[in-house]
Amino acid sequence: MGRRRILLALLIAVCCLFFTACPMGDGGVSVEGRVLDESGKPIKGAKVVLVSRGTKDEGESRDDGSYDVGVIHAPRAPTGTLTVSKEGYETYQQQFNSREELGHKRDIVLKAL
């Protein structure tokens, strides 16, 4: 019986550590959407970079223009920059000071050079 109590206590401790370290515990910021040209056609292969207080995630838009990037351990009130670039297009850049300002869903239109 003593061994079961020790295992149960250990399991509870591990669960507590997991839940305090997961994104819900310390916040995070993410954004997804599509990268489009001015006529609304998807742009494949655009570089999408999200930086929040020194933490960086980058990805590339897929065939349908969709992308998703996120910073898991961002502060509760994240600040940072979302940048999208592709050769032959003007670079898009947006600074943000909160999750609400960035938004979770964002379609980005790149202008041809």
Protein backbone atom coordinates (compact mmCIF):
# COMPACT_ATOMS: atom_id res chain seq x y z
CA MET A 1 0.00 0.00 0.00
CA GLY A 2 2.86 2.40 0.76
CA ARG A 3 4.32 1.89 -2.70
CA ARG A 4 1.01 2.79 -4.37
CA ARG A 5 0.78 6.02 -2.38
CA ILE A 6 4.30 6.97 -3.45
CA LEU A 7 3.49 6.25 -7.11
CA LEU A 8 0.23 8.21 -6.86
CA ALA A 9 2.03 11.18 -5.27
CA LEU A 10 4.70 11.03 -7.98
CA LEU A 11 2.03 10.92 -10.71
CA ILE A 12 0.26 13.93 -9.21
CA ALA A 13 3.54 15.86 -9.00
CA VAL A 14 4.37 15.11 -12.65
CA CYS A 15 0.88 16.22 -13.73
CA CYS A 16 1.24 19.47 -11.77
CA LEU A 17 4.60 20.17 -13.41
CA PHE A 18 3.16 19.44 -16.85
CA PHE A 19 0.18 21.75 -16.44
CA THR A 20 2.27 24.63 -15.12
CA ALA A 21 4.72 24.29 -18.03
CA CYS A 22 2.17 23.96 -20.83
CA PRO A 23 1.13 26.97 -22.96
CA MET A 24 -2.02 27.60 -20.95
CA GLY A 25 0.13 28.20 -17.87
CA ASP A 26 2.38 30.96 -19.14
CA GLY A 27 0.67 32.12 -22.30
CA GLY A 28 1.45 31.94 -25.93
CA VAL A 29 0.71 33.71 -29.14
CA SER A 30 -0.09 32.20 -32.50
CA VAL A 31 -1.51 33.29 -35.80
CA GLU A 32 -2.74 31.48 -38.89
CA GLY A 33 -4.24 32.47 -42.19
CA ARG A 34 -3.33 32.72 -45.85
CA VAL A 35 -0.79 34.68 -47.85
CA LEU A 36 -2.38 36.10 -51.00
CA ASP A 37 -1.41 38.34 -53.90
CA GLU A 38 -3.40 41.47 -54.75
CA SER A 39 -5.80 39.49 -56.96
CA GLY A 40 -6.57 37.05 -54.12
CA LYS A 41 -4.50 34.14 -55.45
CA PRO A 42 -2.52 32.14 -52.88
CA ILE A 43 1.23 32.65 -52.65
CA LYS A 44 3.21 29.47 -52.02
CA GLY A 45 6.60 29.58 -50.27
CA ALA A 46 6.32 32.93 -48.50
CA LYS A 47 8.47 33.10 -45.37
CA VAL A 48 6.35 33.85 -42.28
CA VAL A 49 8.18 34.86 -39.09
CA LEU A 50 6.64 35.55 -35.68
CA VAL A 51 8.90 37.04 -33.00
CA SER A 52 7.68 37.77 -29.49
CA ARG A 53 10.16 39.04 -26.89
CA GLY A 54 13.10 37.22 -28.40
CA THR A 55 11.27 33.94 -29.04
CA LYS A 56 10.94 33.15 -32.74
CA ASP A 57 8.95 30.77 -34.91
CA GLU A 58 9.05 30.70 -38.66
CA GLY A 59 7.29 28.78 -41.36
CA GLU A 60 6.43 28.84 -45.01
CA SER A 61 3.08 29.24 -46.73
CA ARG A 62 1.77 26.07 -48.33
CA ASP A 63 0.36 25.47 -51.84
CA ASP A 64 -2.98 27.03 -50.87
CA GLY A 65 -1.23 30.01 -49.23
CA SER A 66 -2.06 28.84 -45.72
CA TYR A 67 0.40 29.31 -42.87
CA ASP A 68 0.54 28.96 -39.11
CA VAL A 69 3.18 30.11 -36.66
CA GLY A 70 3.20 30.33 -32.89
CA VAL A 71 5.41 31.09 -29.93
CA ILE A 72 4.57 28.74 -27.08
CA HIS A 73 6.27 30.40 -24.14
CA ALA A 74 5.45 34.02 -24.88
CA PRO A 75 4.68 36.33 -21.96
CA ARG A 76 1.07 36.89 -20.94
CA ALA A 77 1.15 40.30 -22.65
CA PRO A 78 3.23 39.52 -25.72
CA THR A 79 4.78 42.15 -27.91
CA GLY A 80 6.52 41.45 -31.15
CA THR A 81 6.48 41.42 -34.91
CA LEU A 82 4.88 39.34 -37.65
CA THR A 83 6.83 39.47 -40.91
CA VAL A 84 5.94 37.88 -44.26
CA SER A 85 8.31 38.00 -47.23
CA LYS A 86 8.61 36.50 -50.68
CA GLU A 87 10.93 37.39 -53.54
CA GLY A 88 9.16 39.66 -56.02
CA TYR A 89 6.82 41.11 -53.36
CA GLU A 90 6.98 43.91 -50.80
CA THR A 91 7.68 42.62 -47.29
CA TYR A 92 4.71 42.78 -44.90
CA GLN A 93 5.45 43.63 -41.29
CA GLN A 94 3.12 44.20 -38.35
CA GLN A 95 4.14 45.05 -34.81
CA PHE A 96 1.79 44.07 -32.00
CA ASN A 97 1.48 44.74 -28.28
CA SER A 98 -1.18 42.17 -27.38
CA ARG A 99 -2.79 38.96 -28.62
CA GLU A 100 -5.90 40.93 -29.52
CA GLU A 101 -3.91 43.39 -31.65
CA LEU A 102 -2.28 40.54 -33.59
CA GLY A 103 -5.44 38.44 -33.84
CA HIS A 104 -5.47 34.68 -34.27
CA LYS A 105 -6.63 34.56 -37.89
CA ARG A 106 -4.96 36.88 -40.39
CA ASP A 107 -4.91 36.80 -44.17
CA ILE A 108 -2.00 38.78 -45.56
CA VAL A 109 -1.94 40.42 -48.98
CA LEU A 110 1.51 40.94 -50.49
CA LYS A 111 1.98 43.64 -53.14
CA ALA A 112 4.08 42.82 -56.19
CA LEU A 113 7.22 44.90 -56.72
